[in-house]
């Protein structure tokens, strides 16, 4: 009996380890099971669907467990491959904030002000411009490190933007 239990445990560990992520961070059992690399190799990664020969990933609260919606207020810095939200901050920082102190904000800045080219190169500079906003919104925070390449402390999914004010942007060359 004891040998059967040990063999069963070894098989379970071999099948479900190593993990792509925490299986408890997903909304659906099928995605939780797909965090096991052997299972993912056969059935695909968590929150992934295959359409017309491409893989689409669902990074929303429909697939991942996020905290309950609540009100957030702070400064949002949007730039090429960057969307930094600093909760509770009231002015644009003088230096680039640490990724550990910031969250990745999932929102489209064109809904606030569609005029600028948000992904264009800075005219006369050697960098992409940074756009700064003072924002207040209802959103949901992810349970663990996410955002661009998993660098940020969390990801916040905006459910409803309550207010947004454009602020003077920091100089991208010195930031």
Foldseek 3Di string as FASTA:
>chain_A
DVVVVVVVVVVVCVQQDDFLDQLVFWDDNVQSSQRRPNNCVPVNHRQWDADPRDIDHDPDCNTTPWADKDKFWAKWKAAALATWTQTPHDDDDQDDDALARTAHEPDDCCVVPVPDPRHDCDVPDDGIFIWMKTWMAIWTWGPAQDGRVSRHRIYIYGPGTDDIDTDDTHDPVRD
